[in-house]
Amino acid sequence: MCCSSLHMPTMIQNLDQPDSSSRCIWVNGPVIVGAGPSGLAISAGLKKQGVPYVVLERANCIASLWQNRTYDRLKLHLPKQFCQLPDFPIPDNFPEYPTKDQFIDYLESYAKHFDINPRFNESVQSAKYDETCGLWQVKTISTGGSNWGEVEYICRWLVVATGENAEKVVPEFEGLQDFGGSVMHVCDYKSGESYQGKRVLVVGCGNSGMEVSLDLCNHKAIPSMVVRNSVHVLPREVLGKSTFELAVLMMKWFPLWLVDKILLIIARLLLGNVEKYGLRRPSMGPLQLKNTQGKTPVLDIGALERIRSGEIRVVPGIKRFSHGRVEFVNGENLEMDCVILATGYCSNVPSWLKDNDFFSEDGLPKTQFPNGWKGKGGLYAVGFTRRGLSGACMDAARVADDIGTIWKEETKQSKCLRRCF
């Protein structure tokens, strides 16, 4: 059904047929998919522009990655001023690196302040643009309470705010089904408390892998960390100043390649030669690698000291698993009790956004930052910049301004027509 001729003054209009088993809803404004920090930022921006919207969230809460899929000891890796959303700063009484719970409290306060009320338990199954009508058809399955069933939203604008970390990545390993011990993704890990005395293989050496290995050490477990590829390890702070903040400051004066060189010199001076512990550095600098491939450098908060002391054992790539054991590519064979997969996350956009040429197969915009926020036919993206929350906020501002400009112009024309008749 083409609904482009409908003019609805209200934000939502139910278009159900009396005998229909599913619901069809016209949205007089954009549909935003995702109620994480990116979805909250664009919602606040649109509210500021006076544009109505609907937010769809598959989970039962905002920021479900933070609330349901993070470990207890997690803190922001960057200073709070680089992680706050637009027009609502993180409280002054929060520490420089807020805890997970503090950041969740901040996001809840943000949603309340801007009166953002997502439609929870609405999982988007497909979103397709109808070129004939110039409208988006967003089909969801609602699992919330009495509203269970299929829902189709019809809208002019679609904002994809599901982010780069919507789904966990679980690689396949030969023999893993025969391992016999506990195997979990890091999204299900909460604390090392139950791992005391156990031999734990942590697969992955990013910030999560390093921090989980450190947490396991603190709870008297025996962690081994798989380092298959090269990785940049930087100190979190330099002389009491955030390394990231220092890099941002230097970028105002120096080219990226020079900032990278300075960061690596600082890392060598403060951390020493980490390669002798099995942590090979990439040939590309940390900032260039982050910008081009999305690989975040590890900001060390104590794991490196445990690696030096031997409390965290660094091992190479995995060849195969067997019952209670793992064999590595160098031929070494170790007994293990548990496996934690710190193997990262990925975008889920390709699974539900149909027939589009804006997103690539890996679920990221084909056009790189800073121009990857707008596609064709009213399609927008927020939170896919590979630049964390600060990049998401920049996207949100651009999208809100763009939709707001169109909305205000059309509202002005509509008022003028009504006066004429």
Protein backbone atom coordinates (compact mmCIF):
# COMPACT_ATOMS: atom_id res chain seq x y z
CA MET A 1 0.00 0.00 0.00
CA CYS A 2 1.32 3.44 -0.93
CA CYS A 3 0.71 5.93 1.88
CA SER A 4 2.55 8.95 0.46
CA SER A 5 -0.68 10.89 0.02
CA LEU A 6 -1.59 10.68 3.69
CA HIS A 7 -1.03 13.80 5.77
CA MET A 8 -1.17 12.98 9.47
CA PRO A 9 -0.81 15.78 12.03
CA THR A 10 -0.12 13.26 14.79
CA MET A 11 3.16 11.39 15.11
CA ILE A 12 1.63 7.91 14.81
CA GLN A 13 -1.50 6.81 12.97
CA ASN A 14 -2.80 3.23 13.08
CA LEU A 15 -3.69 2.00 9.60
CA ASP A 16 -4.94 -1.46 10.65
CA GLN A 17 -7.73 -3.20 8.84
CA PRO A 18 -10.41 -4.48 11.25
CA ASP A 19 -9.84 -8.12 10.30
CA SER A 20 -6.05 -7.91 10.07
CA SER A 21 -3.86 -10.09 12.30
CA SER A 22 -0.95 -7.65 12.06
CA ARG A 23 -0.68 -3.91 12.57
CA CYS A 24 0.35 -1.18 10.14
CA ILE A 25 1.43 2.17 11.60
CA TRP A 26 2.13 5.43 9.80
CA VAL A 27 4.90 7.45 11.46
CA ASN A 28 4.80 11.19 10.78
CA GLY A 29 8.57 11.52 11.06
CA PRO A 30 11.62 9.22 11.07
CA VAL A 31 11.84 5.71 12.48
CA ILE A 32 15.03 5.23 14.50
CA VAL A 33 16.28 1.68 14.88
CA GLY A 34 18.27 1.23 18.10
CA ALA A 35 18.07 2.83 21.56
CA GLY A 36 21.75 2.77 22.44
CA PRO A 37 23.81 5.95 22.83
CA SER A 38 23.56 6.64 19.06
CA GLY A 39 19.78 6.27 19.06
CA LEU A 40 19.47 8.51 22.12
CA ALA A 41 21.70 11.19 20.57
CA ILE A 42 19.70 11.41 17.34
CA SER A 43 16.40 11.33 19.27
CA ALA A 44 17.49 14.31 21.36
CA GLY A 45 18.65 16.14 18.24
CA LEU A 46 15.34 15.61 16.47
CA LYS A 47 13.40 16.70 19.55
CA LYS A 48 15.44 19.90 19.59
CA GLN A 49 14.44 20.46 15.94
CA GLY A 50 10.76 19.83 16.74
CA VAL A 51 10.63 16.68 14.61
CA PRO A 52 8.48 13.75 15.87
CA TYR A 53 10.00 10.26 15.68
CA VAL A 54 9.63 6.66 16.82
CA VAL A 55 12.50 4.64 18.34
CA LEU A 56 12.44 0.85 17.94
CA GLU A 57 14.54 -1.26 20.31
CA ARG A 58 14.69 -5.05 20.30
CA ALA A 59 15.71 -5.27 23.99
CA ASN A 60 13.66 -4.28 27.03
CA CYS A 61 15.86 -1.30 27.96
CA ILE A 62 17.99 1.46 26.51
CA ALA A 63 21.70 0.81 25.92
CA SER A 64 21.23 -2.96 26.14
CA LEU A 65 24.89 -3.63 25.26
CA TRP A 66 25.95 -1.67 28.35
CA GLN A 67 23.20 -3.02 30.59
CA ASN A 68 23.17 -6.69 29.61
CA ARG A 69 26.41 -7.57 27.85
CA THR A 70 29.30 -6.02 29.77
CA TYR A 71 31.44 -7.23 32.68
CA ASP A 72 31.14 -5.79 36.16
CA ARG A 73 34.52 -4.05 36.41
CA LEU A 74 34.11 -2.15 33.12
CA LYS A 75 34.85 1.56 33.11
CA LEU A 76 34.92 4.02 30.24
CA HIS A 77 38.30 3.72 28.54
CA LEU A 78 38.28 7.42 27.62
CA PRO A 79 37.75 10.51 29.80
CA LYS A 80 34.10 11.34 30.35
CA GLN A 81 34.17 14.54 28.26
CA PHE A 82 34.76 12.40 25.15
CA CYS A 83 31.84 10.07 25.96
CA GLN A 84 28.99 12.42 26.78
CA LEU A 85 26.04 12.91 24.46
CA PRO A 86 24.94 16.28 23.01
CA ASP A 87 23.45 19.01 25.20
CA PHE A 88 23.64 17.04 28.46
CA PRO A 89 27.09 16.71 30.06
CA ILE A 90 28.13 13.84 32.31
CA PRO A 91 27.86 15.09 35.93
CA ASP A 92 30.88 16.85 37.42
CA ASN A 93 30.82 14.57 40.45
CA PHE A 94 31.43 11.50 38.26
CA PRO A 95 35.09 10.38 38.11
CA GLU A 96 37.15 11.00 34.97
CA TYR A 97 36.57 7.39 33.93
CA PRO A 98 32.99 6.56 35.02
CA THR A 99 32.05 3.01 35.90
CA LYS A 100 29.63 0.96 33.85
CA ASP A 101 26.80 1.62 36.32
CA GLN A 102 27.52 5.35 36.38
CA PHE A 103 27.43 5.54 32.60
CA ILE A 104 24.15 3.62 32.48
CA ASP A 105 22.70 6.03 35.05
CA TYR A 106 23.83 8.90 32.84
CA LEU A 107 22.15 7.40 29.75
CA GLU A 108 18.93 6.79 31.70
CA SER A 109 19.00 10.42 32.87
CA TYR A 110 19.61 11.53 29.28
CA ALA A 111 16.54 9.65 28.03
CA LYS A 112 14.43 11.07 30.86
CA HIS A 113 15.70 14.63 30.31
CA PHE A 114 14.77 14.58 26.61
CA ASP A 115 11.61 12.50 27.18
CA ILE A 116 12.83 9.71 24.90
CA ASN A 117 10.47 6.72 25.10
CA PRO A 118 11.54 3.87 22.81
CA ARG A 119 9.20 1.08 21.80
CA PHE A 120 10.95 -1.79 23.57
CA ASN A 121 10.86 -5.47 22.58
CA GLU A 122 10.40 -4.54 18.91
CA SER A 123 12.85 -6.52 16.78
CA VAL A 124 13.22 -5.23 13.22
CA GLN A 125 12.96 -8.09 10.74
CA SER A 126 13.26 -6.06 7.55
CA ALA A 127 13.37 -2.51 6.26
CA LYS A 128 12.80 -1.81 2.58
CA TYR A 129 12.43 1.39 0.57
CA ASP A 130 9.50 1.61 -1.84
CA GLU A 131 10.68 3.86 -4.66
CA THR A 132 7.18 4.20 -6.10
CA CYS A 133 5.81 5.68 -2.88
CA GLY A 134 9.04 7.22 -1.62
CA LEU A 135 8.45 5.54 1.74
CA TRP A 136 10.14 3.02 4.03
CA GLN A 137 8.42 -0.16 5.15
CA VAL A 138 9.88 -1.33 8.47
CA LYS A 139 8.60 -4.71 9.63
CA THR A 140 9.06 -5.78 13.23
CA ILE A 141 8.07 -8.53 15.60
CA SER A 142 6.83 -7.19 18.91
CA THR A 143 7.29 -9.44 21.95
CA GLY A 144 6.23 -6.98 24.62
CA GLY A 145 3.22 -7.85 26.75
CA SER A 146 -0.19 -7.50 25.12
CA ASN A 147 1.28 -6.00 21.94
CA TRP A 148 2.79 -9.28 20.77
CA GLY A 149 2.73 -9.77 16.98
CA GLU A 150 3.92 -8.34 13.69
CA VAL A 151 4.01 -4.59 13.16
CA GLU A 152 4.75 -2.65 9.98
CA TYR A 153 5.84 0.97 10.25
CA ILE A 154 5.53 3.26 7.24
CA CYS A 155 7.77 6.34 7.27
CA ARG A 156 9.66 8.77 5.06
CA TRP A 157 12.97 8.61 6.89
CA LEU A 158 14.87 5.68 8.37
CA VAL A 159 17.72 6.25 10.84
CA VAL A 160 19.93 3.21 11.44
CA ALA A 161 21.41 3.56 14.93
CA THR A 162 22.13 -0.06 15.80
CA GLY A 163 25.87 0.60 15.79
CA GLU A 164 29.00 -1.38 15.07
CA ASN A 165 28.57 -3.78 18.01
CA ALA A 166 25.07 -5.19 17.60
CA GLU A 167 25.99 -8.89 17.45
CA LYS A 168 28.74 -10.96 19.04
CA VAL A 169 31.37 -12.55 16.79
CA VAL A 170 31.92 -16.26 17.53
CA PRO A 171 34.65 -17.79 15.34
CA GLU A 172 34.68 -21.49 14.51
CA PHE A 173 37.50 -23.59 15.98
CA GLU A 174 38.30 -27.16 15.13
CA GLY A 175 37.31 -29.50 17.96
CA LEU A 176 35.67 -26.87 20.16
CA GLN A 177 32.56 -29.04 20.45
CA ASP A 178 34.75 -31.73 22.06
CA PHE A 179 36.38 -29.40 24.59
CA GLY A 180 33.98 -30.31 27.39
CA GLY A 181 34.62 -27.26 29.58
CA SER A 182 32.78 -23.95 29.85
CA VAL A 183 32.85 -21.83 26.67
CA MET A 184 31.31 -18.35 26.62
CA HIS A 185 31.54 -15.10 24.73
CA VAL A 186 32.82 -12.13 26.71
CA CYS A 187 29.36 -10.55 26.45
CA ASP A 188 28.19 -13.15 28.98
CA TYR A 189 31.16 -12.73 31.34
CA LYS A 190 30.49 -10.73 34.50
CA SER A 191 33.30 -11.41 36.97
CA GLY A 192 36.25 -13.71 37.62
CA GLU A 193 34.87 -14.60 41.05
CA SER A 194 33.77 -18.10 40.00
CA TYR A 195 37.04 -18.85 38.19
CA GLN A 196 39.40 -19.03 41.18
CA GLY A 197 42.11 -21.63 40.57
CA LYS A 198 40.83 -22.43 37.06
CA ARG A 199 42.91 -22.40 33.88
CA VAL A 200 41.12 -19.99 31.56
CA LEU A 201 41.89 -19.37 27.88
CA VAL A 202 40.95 -15.83 26.84
CA VAL A 203 40.71 -15.69 23.04
CA GLY A 204 41.46 -12.14 21.94
CA CYS A 205 43.78 -9.36 23.03
CA GLY A 206 41.77 -6.18 22.57
CA ASN A 207 40.64 -3.99 25.45
CA SER A 208 38.07 -6.60 26.54
CA GLY A 209 40.52 -9.50 26.35
CA MET A 210 43.16 -7.61 28.31
CA GLU A 211 40.73 -6.40 30.95
CA VAL A 212 39.06 -9.80 31.42
CA SER A 213 42.51 -11.41 31.76
CA LEU A 214 43.38 -8.82 34.42
CA ASP A 215 40.08 -9.43 36.21
CA LEU A 216 40.74 -13.18 36.21
CA CYS A 217 44.17 -12.55 37.76
CA ASN A 218 42.62 -10.42 40.47
CA HIS A 219 40.34 -13.36 41.33
CA LYS A 220 43.25 -15.82 41.45
CA ALA A 221 42.45 -17.61 38.21
CA ILE A 222 45.19 -18.73 35.79
CA PRO A 223 44.57 -16.92 32.47
CA SER A 224 46.27 -17.49 29.14
CA MET A 225 45.53 -14.90 26.45
CA VAL A 226 45.54 -15.72 22.73
CA VAL A 227 47.39 -13.08 20.68
CA ARG A 228 47.01 -14.13 17.07
CA ASN A 229 47.57 -10.79 15.35
CA SER A 230 49.57 -7.67 16.03
CA VAL A 231 48.20 -5.14 18.52
CA HIS A 232 48.98 -1.62 19.68
CA VAL A 233 49.28 -1.24 23.45
CA LEU A 234 49.39 2.35 24.76
CA PRO A 235 49.44 3.73 28.30
CA ARG A 236 46.03 5.02 29.30
CA GLU A 237 47.64 8.17 30.72
CA VAL A 238 50.83 10.14 30.19
CA LEU A 239 51.98 12.17 33.20
CA GLY A 240 48.44 12.17 34.56
CA LYS A 241 46.92 13.23 31.23
CA SER A 242 44.74 10.95 29.11
CA THR A 243 46.65 9.56 26.14
CA PHE A 244 43.56 10.02 23.99
CA GLU A 245 43.18 13.63 25.09
CA LEU A 246 46.85 14.20 24.31
CA ALA A 247 46.38 12.71 20.84
CA VAL A 248 43.34 14.93 20.17
CA LEU A 249 45.36 17.97 21.20
CA MET A 250 48.31 17.04 18.98
CA MET A 251 46.00 16.43 16.01
CA LYS A 252 45.19 20.14 16.01
CA TRP A 253 48.81 20.93 15.22
CA PHE A 254 50.41 17.90 13.59
CA PRO A 255 49.51 15.46 10.82
CA LEU A 256 48.18 12.04 11.80
CA TRP A 257 51.34 10.15 10.87
CA LEU A 258 53.44 12.35 13.14
CA VAL A 259 51.00 12.00 16.05
CA ASP A 260 51.21 8.23 15.59
CA LYS A 261 54.99 8.34 15.76
CA ILE A 262 54.92 10.46 18.92
CA LEU A 263 52.43 8.06 20.55
CA LEU A 264 54.63 5.06 19.74
CA ILE A 265 57.71 6.80 21.17
CA ILE A 266 55.79 7.58 24.37
CA ALA A 267 54.57 3.98 24.55
CA ARG A 268 58.11 2.64 24.17
CA LEU A 269 59.41 4.98 26.89
CA LEU A 270 56.63 4.19 29.37
CA LEU A 271 55.86 0.54 28.59
CA GLY A 272 59.16 -0.70 27.20
CA ASN A 273 59.51 -3.25 24.42
CA VAL A 274 56.22 -5.16 24.55
CA GLU A 275 57.15 -7.36 21.59
CA LYS A 276 59.35 -9.54 23.78
CA TYR A 277 56.17 -10.54 25.64
CA GLY A 278 54.47 -11.69 22.43
CA LEU A 279 52.66 -8.41 21.69
CA ARG A 280 53.77 -7.51 18.16
CA ARG A 281 53.00 -3.97 17.05
CA PRO A 282 51.28 -3.42 13.65
CA SER A 283 53.22 -1.64 10.91
CA MET A 284 50.45 0.97 10.70
CA GLY A 285 50.23 3.57 13.48
CA PRO A 286 47.47 3.31 16.14
CA LEU A 287 45.35 6.25 14.99
CA GLN A 288 45.63 5.40 11.29
CA LEU A 289 44.73 1.78 12.04
CA LYS A 290 41.69 2.90 14.03
CA ASN A 291 40.52 5.26 11.29
CA THR A 292 41.00 2.87 8.38
CA GLN A 293 40.26 -0.56 9.87
CA GLY A 294 38.37 0.25 13.07
CA LYS A 295 40.92 -1.56 15.26
CA THR A 296 41.13 0.20 18.60
CA PRO A 297 44.48 0.33 20.41
CA VAL A 298 44.60 -1.25 23.85
CA LEU A 299 44.80 1.32 26.64
CA ASP A 300 46.69 -0.48 29.38
CA ILE A 301 45.20 -0.35 32.90
CA GLY A 302 47.41 -2.96 34.51
CA ALA A 303 47.32 -6.09 32.33
CA LEU A 304 50.79 -5.46 30.91
CA GLU A 305 52.35 -5.65 34.36
CA ARG A 306 50.68 -9.05 34.89
CA ILE A 307 51.99 -10.21 31.51
CA ARG A 308 55.52 -9.20 32.48
CA SER A 309 55.21 -11.09 35.76
CA GLY A 310 53.91 -14.19 34.00
CA GLU A 311 50.52 -14.11 35.74
CA ILE A 312 48.92 -13.65 32.32
CA ARG A 313 50.45 -16.03 29.81
CA VAL A 314 50.52 -14.90 26.16
CA VAL A 315 49.95 -17.73 23.66
CA PRO A 316 49.77 -17.76 19.83
CA GLY A 317 46.84 -18.65 17.57
CA ILE A 318 44.72 -21.74 18.16
CA LYS A 319 45.13 -24.80 15.94
CA ARG A 320 42.52 -27.08 17.50
CA PHE A 321 40.71 -28.06 20.67
CA SER A 322 40.35 -31.50 22.19
CA HIS A 323 38.83 -32.72 25.46
CA GLY A 324 40.14 -30.34 28.16
CA ARG A 325 43.04 -29.24 25.99
CA VAL A 326 44.02 -26.72 23.32
CA GLU A 327 46.79 -26.99 20.73
CA PHE A 328 48.38 -23.82 19.39
CA VAL A 329 49.90 -23.10 15.98
CA ASN A 330 53.43 -23.36 17.44
CA GLY A 331 52.76 -26.96 18.51
CA GLU A 332 52.34 -26.16 22.21
CA ASN A 333 49.54 -28.10 23.93
CA LEU A 334 47.97 -26.92 27.20
CA GLU A 335 45.25 -28.13 29.56
CA MET A 336 42.37 -25.68 30.04
CA ASP A 337 39.23 -25.61 32.15
CA CYS A 338 37.34 -22.75 30.50
CA VAL A 339 37.34 -20.62 27.34
CA ILE A 340 36.23 -16.97 27.11
CA LEU A 341 35.86 -15.60 23.59
CA ALA A 342 36.85 -11.93 23.58
CA THR A 343 36.42 -11.97 19.82
CA GLY A 344 34.46 -8.78 19.41
CA TYR A 345 31.22 -7.67 17.85
CA CYS A 346 29.85 -6.73 14.44
CA SER A 347 27.02 -4.83 12.80
CA ASN A 348 23.76 -6.68 12.10
CA VAL A 349 22.45 -4.25 9.46
CA PRO A 350 22.84 -6.63 6.47
CA SER A 351 20.45 -9.10 8.13
CA TRP A 352 17.47 -6.72 8.01
CA LEU A 353 18.14 -3.72 5.73
CA LYS A 354 17.10 -4.90 2.27
CA ASP A 355 18.14 -3.87 -1.25
CA ASN A 356 20.43 -1.00 -0.31
CA ASP A 357 23.80 0.04 -1.67
CA PHE A 358 24.70 2.36 1.21
CA PHE A 359 25.94 -0.28 3.67
CA SER A 360 28.64 -2.79 2.78
CA GLU A 361 28.53 -6.54 3.48
CA ASP A 362 30.15 -5.98 6.88
CA GLY A 363 27.31 -3.68 7.88
CA LEU A 364 29.19 -0.38 7.76
CA PRO A 365 28.56 2.58 5.41
CA LYS A 366 30.59 2.30 2.22
CA THR A 367 31.36 6.02 2.37
CA GLN A 368 33.92 6.73 5.05
CA PHE A 369 33.78 9.33 7.82
CA PRO A 370 32.81 12.16 7.82
CA ASN A 371 30.42 11.51 4.92
CA GLY A 372 28.92 8.15 5.90
CA TRP A 373 25.83 9.49 7.62
CA LYS A 374 23.43 9.99 4.69
CA GLY A 375 22.25 7.62 1.97
CA LYS A 376 19.49 7.85 -0.63
CA GLY A 377 15.75 7.90 -0.14
CA GLY A 378 15.76 9.25 3.41
CA LEU A 379 18.25 6.68 4.77
CA TYR A 380 20.59 7.83 7.55
CA ALA A 381 23.25 6.18 9.73
CA VAL A 382 24.38 7.16 13.21
CA GLY A 383 27.17 5.45 15.14
CA PHE A 384 29.17 3.76 12.37
CA THR A 385 32.14 6.13 12.23
CA ARG A 386 34.65 3.85 14.05
CA ARG A 387 35.29 6.87 16.25
CA GLY A 388 33.31 5.91 19.31
CA LEU A 389 30.71 8.08 20.99
CA SER A 390 32.23 11.35 19.77
CA GLY A 391 31.80 10.17 16.16
CA ALA A 392 28.22 9.08 16.86
CA CYS A 393 27.43 12.52 18.26
CA MET A 394 28.78 14.20 15.12
CA ASP A 395 26.59 11.94 12.98
CA ALA A 396 23.55 12.64 15.14
CA ALA A 397 23.97 16.41 14.79
CA ARG A 398 24.24 16.20 11.00
CA VAL A 399 21.24 13.89 10.65
CA ALA A 400 19.05 15.96 12.98
CA ASP A 401 19.93 19.18 11.15
CA ASP A 402 19.25 17.59 7.75
CA ILE A 403 15.87 16.13 8.65
CA GLY A 404 14.98 19.23 10.69
CA THR A 405 15.61 21.51 7.73
CA ILE A 406 13.31 19.46 5.48
CA TRP A 407 10.68 19.17 8.20
CA LYS A 408 10.56 22.92 8.92
CA GLU A 409 10.36 23.82 5.25
CA GLU A 410 7.48 21.40 4.63
CA THR A 411 5.68 22.52 7.79
CA LYS A 412 6.01 26.12 6.64
CA GLN A 413 4.57 25.25 3.22
CA SER A 414 1.72 23.27 4.79
CA LYS A 415 0.73 26.22 7.00
CA CYS A 416 0.83 28.52 3.99
CA LEU A 417 -1.46 26.21 1.99
CA ARG A 418 -3.94 25.99 4.86
CA ARG A 419 -4.09 29.82 5.05
CA CYS A 420 -4.70 29.98 1.29
CA PHE A 421 -7.70 27.65 1.51
